Amino acid sequence: MPRAKHLRGVGSKEQRQYEHIKASAQTSGRYGRRAKEVAARTVMKEHKAKGHPKGR
């Protein structure tokens, strides 16, 4: 079974959040092909807002 792509610089909690947002967007058909991008940007936006440095 292939493993899901891990976002660089985020922890396991943020990785789960990414997978949840991506799955939700894909099932609803909300963003079309951009579901992965939107999920990644959302997670990274919150990651940076919490003050986490890049790569941690």
PDB file of N, CA and C in Angstrom:
ATOM      1  N   MET A   1       0.840  -1.176   0.000  1.00  0.00           N
ATOM      2  CA  MET A   1       0.000   0.000   0.000  1.00  0.00           C
ATOM      3  C   MET A   1       0.892   1.248   0.000  1.00  0.00           C
ATOM      4  N   PRO A   2       0.691   2.157  -0.941  1.00  0.00           N
ATOM      5  CA  PRO A   2       1.533   3.350  -0.989  1.00  0.00           C
ATOM      6  C   PRO A   2       1.226   4.291   0.173  1.00  0.00           C
ATOM      7  N   ARG A   3       2.272   4.899   0.682  1.00  0.00           N
ATOM      8  CA  ARG A   3       2.104   5.822   1.790  1.00  0.00           C
ATOM      9  C   ARG A   3       1.723   7.202   1.265  1.00  0.00           C
ATOM     10  N   ALA A   4       0.992   7.939   2.069  1.00  0.00           N
ATOM     11  CA  ALA A   4       0.599   9.294   1.706  1.00  0.00           C
ATOM     12  C   ALA A   4       1.822  10.200   1.743  1.00  0.00           C
ATOM     13  N   LYS A   5       1.818  11.192   0.897  1.00  0.00           N
ATOM     14  CA  LYS A   5       2.929  12.129   0.852  1.00  0.00           C
ATOM     15  C   LYS A   5       2.928  12.975   2.120  1.00  0.00           C
ATOM     16  N   HIS A   6       4.077  13.082   2.751  1.00  0.00           N
ATOM     17  CA  HIS A   6       4.213  13.851   3.982  1.00  0.00           C
ATOM     18  C   HIS A   6       4.595  15.284   3.631  1.00  0.00           C
ATOM     19  N   LEU A   7       3.907  16.244   4.242  1.00  0.00           N
ATOM     20  CA  LEU A   7       4.253  17.647   4.048  1.00  0.00           C
ATOM     21  C   LEU A   7       5.560  17.942   4.762  1.00  0.00           C
ATOM     22  N   ARG A   8       6.419  18.674   4.115  1.00  0.00           N
ATOM     23  CA  ARG A   8       7.694  19.025   4.726  1.00  0.00           C
ATOM     24  C   ARG A   8       7.499  20.065   5.810  1.00  0.00           C
ATOM     25  N   GLY A   9       8.154  19.843   6.944  1.00  0.00           N
ATOM     26  CA  GLY A   9       8.176  20.829   8.004  1.00  0.00           C
ATOM     27  C   GLY A   9       6.988  20.837   8.942  1.00  0.00           C
ATOM     28  N   VAL A  10       6.162  19.823   8.894  1.00  0.00           N
ATOM     29  CA  VAL A  10       5.015  19.784   9.800  1.00  0.00           C
ATOM     30  C   VAL A  10       5.054  18.512  10.631  1.00  0.00           C
ATOM     31  N   GLY A  11       4.362  18.548  11.748  1.00  0.00           N
ATOM     32  CA  GLY A  11       4.303  17.396  12.633  1.00  0.00           C
ATOM     33  C   GLY A  11       3.195  16.438  12.245  1.00  0.00           C
ATOM     34  N   SER A  12       3.052  15.398  13.042  1.00  0.00           N
ATOM     35  CA  SER A  12       2.064  14.368  12.726  1.00  0.00           C
ATOM     36  C   SER A  12       0.632  14.892  12.854  1.00  0.00           C
ATOM     37  N   LYS A  13       0.387  15.785  13.800  1.00  0.00           N
ATOM     38  CA  LYS A  13      -0.953  16.346  13.960  1.00  0.00           C
ATOM     39  C   LYS A  13      -1.337  17.169  12.732  1.00  0.00           C
ATOM     40  N   GLU A  14      -0.409  17.969  12.251  1.00  0.00           N
ATOM     41  CA  GLU A  14      -0.683  18.783  11.068  1.00  0.00           C
ATOM     42  C   GLU A  14      -0.795  17.927   9.819  1.00  0.00           C
ATOM     43  N   GLN A  15      -0.079  16.816   9.785  1.00  0.00           N
ATOM     44  CA  GLN A  15      -0.189  15.885   8.665  1.00  0.00           C
ATOM     45  C   GLN A  15      -1.587  15.267   8.627  1.00  0.00           C
ATOM     46  N   ARG A  16      -2.099  14.884   9.783  1.00  0.00           N
ATOM     47  CA  ARG A  16      -3.467  14.353   9.846  1.00  0.00           C
ATOM     48  C   ARG A  16      -4.483  15.407   9.434  1.00  0.00           C
ATOM     49  N   GLN A  17      -4.244  16.638   9.842  1.00  0.00           N
ATOM     50  CA  GLN A  17      -5.135  17.736   9.459  1.00  0.00           C
ATOM     51  C   GLN A  17      -5.132  17.904   7.937  1.00  0.00           C
ATOM     52  N   TYR A  18      -3.958  17.833   7.329  1.00  0.00           N
ATOM     53  CA  TYR A  18      -3.833  17.933   5.872  1.00  0.00           C
ATOM     54  C   TYR A  18      -4.633  16.837   5.179  1.00  0.00           C
ATOM     55  N   GLU A  19      -4.479  15.599   5.655  1.00  0.00           N
ATOM     56  CA  GLU A  19      -5.201  14.472   5.052  1.00  0.00           C
ATOM     57  C   GLU A  19      -6.714  14.653   5.183  1.00  0.00           C
ATOM     58  N   HIS A  20      -7.159  15.147   6.316  1.00  0.00           N
ATOM     59  CA  HIS A  20      -8.592  15.349   6.545  1.00  0.00           C
ATOM     60  C   HIS A  20      -9.150  16.435   5.614  1.00  0.00           C
ATOM     61  N   ILE A  21      -8.454  17.547   5.511  1.00  0.00           N
ATOM     62  CA  ILE A  21      -8.908  18.640   4.640  1.00  0.00           C
ATOM     63  C   ILE A  21      -8.918  18.189   3.188  1.00  0.00           C
ATOM     64  N   LYS A  22      -7.864  17.480   2.772  1.00  0.00           N
ATOM     65  CA  LYS A  22      -7.768  17.003   1.396  1.00  0.00           C
ATOM     66  C   LYS A  22      -8.911  16.041   1.072  1.00  0.00           C
ATOM     67  N   ALA A  23      -9.173  15.090   1.965  1.00  0.00           N
ATOM     68  CA  ALA A  23     -10.240  14.121   1.734  1.00  0.00           C
ATOM     69  C   ALA A  23     -11.603  14.800   1.681  1.00  0.00           C
ATOM     70  N   SER A  24     -11.813  15.744   2.561  1.00  0.00           N
ATOM     71  CA  SER A  24     -13.081  16.461   2.597  1.00  0.00           C
ATOM     72  C   SER A  24     -13.297  17.252   1.308  1.00  0.00           C
ATOM     73  N   ALA A  25     -12.261  17.917   0.841  1.00  0.00           N
ATOM     74  CA  ALA A  25     -12.369  18.710  -0.384  1.00  0.00           C
ATOM     75  C   ALA A  25     -12.591  17.822  -1.601  1.00  0.00           C
ATOM     76  N   GLN A  26     -11.945  16.656  -1.630  1.00  0.00           N
ATOM     77  CA  GLN A  26     -12.097  15.753  -2.766  1.00  0.00           C
ATOM     78  C   GLN A  26     -13.485  15.134  -2.807  1.00  0.00           C
ATOM     79  N   THR A  27     -14.032  14.760  -1.660  1.00  0.00           N
ATOM     80  CA  THR A  27     -15.353  14.134  -1.657  1.00  0.00           C
ATOM     81  C   THR A  27     -16.448  15.134  -1.994  1.00  0.00           C
ATOM     82  N   SER A  28     -16.260  16.381  -1.578  1.00  0.00           N
ATOM     83  CA  SER A  28     -17.281  17.384  -1.875  1.00  0.00           C
ATOM     84  C   SER A  28     -17.120  17.953  -3.286  1.00  0.00           C
ATOM     85  N   GLY A  29     -15.952  17.730  -3.887  1.00  0.00           N
ATOM     86  CA  GLY A  29     -15.690  18.265  -5.224  1.00  0.00           C
ATOM     87  C   GLY A  29     -15.542  19.774  -5.219  1.00  0.00           C
ATOM     88  N   ARG A  30     -15.184  20.304  -4.081  1.00  0.00           N
ATOM     89  CA  ARG A  30     -15.166  21.753  -3.887  1.00  0.00           C
ATOM     90  C   ARG A  30     -14.076  22.469  -4.663  1.00  0.00           C
ATOM     91  N   TYR A  31     -12.879  21.919  -4.720  1.00  0.00           N
ATOM     92  CA  TYR A  31     -11.765  22.600  -5.361  1.00  0.00           C
ATOM     93  C   TYR A  31     -11.269  21.897  -6.621  1.00  0.00           C
ATOM     94  N   GLY A  32     -11.904  20.835  -6.992  1.00  0.00           N
ATOM     95  CA  GLY A  32     -11.481  20.117  -8.191  1.00  0.00           C
ATOM     96  C   GLY A  32     -10.094  19.540  -8.039  1.00  0.00           C
ATOM     97  N   ARG A  33      -9.236  19.840  -8.976  1.00  0.00           N
ATOM     98  CA  ARG A  33      -7.858  19.312  -8.971  1.00  0.00           C
ATOM     99  C   ARG A  33      -6.973  19.988  -7.940  1.00  0.00           C
ATOM    100  N   ARG A  34      -7.415  21.109  -7.392  1.00  0.00           N
ATOM    101  CA  ARG A  34      -6.588  21.878  -6.469  1.00  0.00           C
ATOM    102  C   ARG A  34      -6.759  21.463  -5.011  1.00  0.00           C
ATOM    103  N   ALA A  35      -7.431  20.358  -4.737  1.00  0.00           N
ATOM    104  CA  ALA A  35      -7.714  19.948  -3.360  1.00  0.00           C
ATOM    105  C   ALA A  35      -6.431  19.782  -2.543  1.00  0.00           C
ATOM    106  N   LYS A  36      -5.414  19.163  -3.109  1.00  0.00           N
ATOM    107  CA  LYS A  36      -4.148  18.951  -2.386  1.00  0.00           C
ATOM    108  C   LYS A  36      -3.482  20.286  -2.072  1.00  0.00           C
ATOM    109  N   GLU A  37      -3.470  21.169  -3.063  1.00  0.00           N
ATOM    110  CA  GLU A  37      -2.830  22.471  -2.881  1.00  0.00           C
ATOM    111  C   GLU A  37      -3.533  23.286  -1.800  1.00  0.00           C
ATOM    112  N   VAL A  38      -4.854  23.320  -1.838  1.00  0.00           N
ATOM    113  CA  VAL A  38      -5.622  24.079  -0.860  1.00  0.00           C
ATOM    114  C   VAL A  38      -5.408  23.515   0.541  1.00  0.00           C
ATOM    115  N   ALA A  39      -5.394  22.208   0.663  1.00  0.00           N
ATOM    116  CA  ALA A  39      -5.168  21.579   1.962  1.00  0.00           C
ATOM    117  C   ALA A  39      -3.777  21.920   2.496  1.00  0.00           C
ATOM    118  N   ALA A  40      -2.776  21.843   1.648  1.00  0.00           N
ATOM    119  CA  ALA A  40      -1.409  22.144   2.069  1.00  0.00           C
ATOM    120  C   ALA A  40      -1.270  23.605   2.472  1.00  0.00           C
ATOM    121  N   ARG A  41      -1.851  24.491   1.701  1.00  0.00           N
ATOM    122  CA  ARG A  41      -1.755  25.914   2.030  1.00  0.00           C
ATOM    123  C   ARG A  41      -2.471  26.235   3.343  1.00  0.00           C
ATOM    124  N   THR A  42      -3.591  25.591   3.585  1.00  0.00           N
ATOM    125  CA  THR A  42      -4.334  25.820   4.819  1.00  0.00           C
ATOM    126  C   THR A  42      -3.522  25.373   6.033  1.00  0.00           C
ATOM    127  N   VAL A  43      -2.932  24.189   5.937  1.00  0.00           N
ATOM    128  CA  VAL A  43      -2.136  23.667   7.049  1.00  0.00           C
ATOM    129  C   VAL A  43      -0.908  24.536   7.288  1.00  0.00           C
ATOM    130  N   MET A  44      -0.228  24.933   6.232  1.00  0.00           N
ATOM    131  CA  MET A  44       0.980  25.750   6.393  1.00  0.00           C
ATOM    132  C   MET A  44       0.641  27.140   6.930  1.00  0.00           C
ATOM    133  N   LYS A  45      -0.502  27.672   6.550  1.00  0.00           N
ATOM    134  CA  LYS A  45      -0.934  28.972   7.061  1.00  0.00           C
ATOM    135  C   LYS A  45      -1.115  28.916   8.572  1.00  0.00           C
ATOM    136  N   GLU A  46      -1.773  27.877   9.060  1.00  0.00           N
ATOM    137  CA  GLU A  46      -1.963  27.716  10.496  1.00  0.00           C
ATOM    138  C   GLU A  46      -0.650  27.402  11.202  1.00  0.00           C
ATOM    139  N   HIS A  47       0.205  26.640  10.553  1.00  0.00           N
ATOM    140  CA  HIS A  47       1.512  26.283  11.106  1.00  0.00           C
ATOM    141  C   HIS A  47       2.340  27.549  11.362  1.00  0.00           C
ATOM    142  N   LYS A  48       2.351  28.429  10.391  1.00  0.00           N
ATOM    143  CA  LYS A  48       3.115  29.672  10.527  1.00  0.00           C
ATOM    144  C   LYS A  48       2.462  30.625  11.517  1.00  0.00           C
ATOM    145  N   ALA A  49       1.129  30.639  11.559  1.00  0.00           N
ATOM    146  CA  ALA A  49       0.430  31.523  12.482  1.00  0.00           C
ATOM    147  C   ALA A  49       0.711  31.162  13.942  1.00  0.00           C
ATOM    148  N   LYS A  50       0.982  29.898  14.192  1.00  0.00           N
ATOM    149  CA  LYS A  50       1.296  29.445  15.549  1.00  0.00           C
ATOM    150  C   LYS A  50       2.726  29.788  15.937  1.00  0.00           C
ATOM    151  N   GLY A  51       3.498  30.307  14.999  1.00  0.00           N
ATOM    152  CA  GLY A  51       4.858  30.717  15.297  1.00  0.00           C
ATOM    153  C   GLY A  51       5.888  29.617  15.147  1.00  0.00           C
ATOM    154  N   HIS A  52       5.533  28.539  14.490  1.00  0.00           N
ATOM    155  CA  HIS A  52       6.495  27.459  14.275  1.00  0.00           C
ATOM    156  C   HIS A  52       7.485  27.884  13.199  1.00  0.00           C
ATOM    157  N   PRO A  53       8.763  27.669  13.440  1.00  0.00           N
ATOM    158  CA  PRO A  53       9.730  27.993  12.407  1.00  0.00           C
ATOM    159  C   PRO A  53       9.644  26.995  11.264  1.00  0.00           C
ATOM    160  N   LYS A  54      10.099  27.391  10.109  1.00  0.00           N
ATOM    161  CA  LYS A  54      10.065  26.520   8.948  1.00  0.00           C
ATOM    162  C   LYS A  54      10.969  25.313   9.199  1.00  0.00           C
ATOM    163  N   GLY A  55      10.462  24.136   8.839  1.00  0.00           N
ATOM    164  CA  GLY A  55      11.255  22.930   8.996  1.00  0.00           C
ATOM    165  C   GLY A  55      11.122  22.259  10.343  1.00  0.00           C
ATOM    166  N   ARG A  56      10.202  22.686  11.172  1.00  0.00           N
ATOM    167  CA  ARG A  56      10.013  22.047  12.473  1.00  0.00           C
ATOM    168  C   ARG A  56       8.643  21.492  12.587  1.00  0.00           C
TER     169      ARG A  56
END
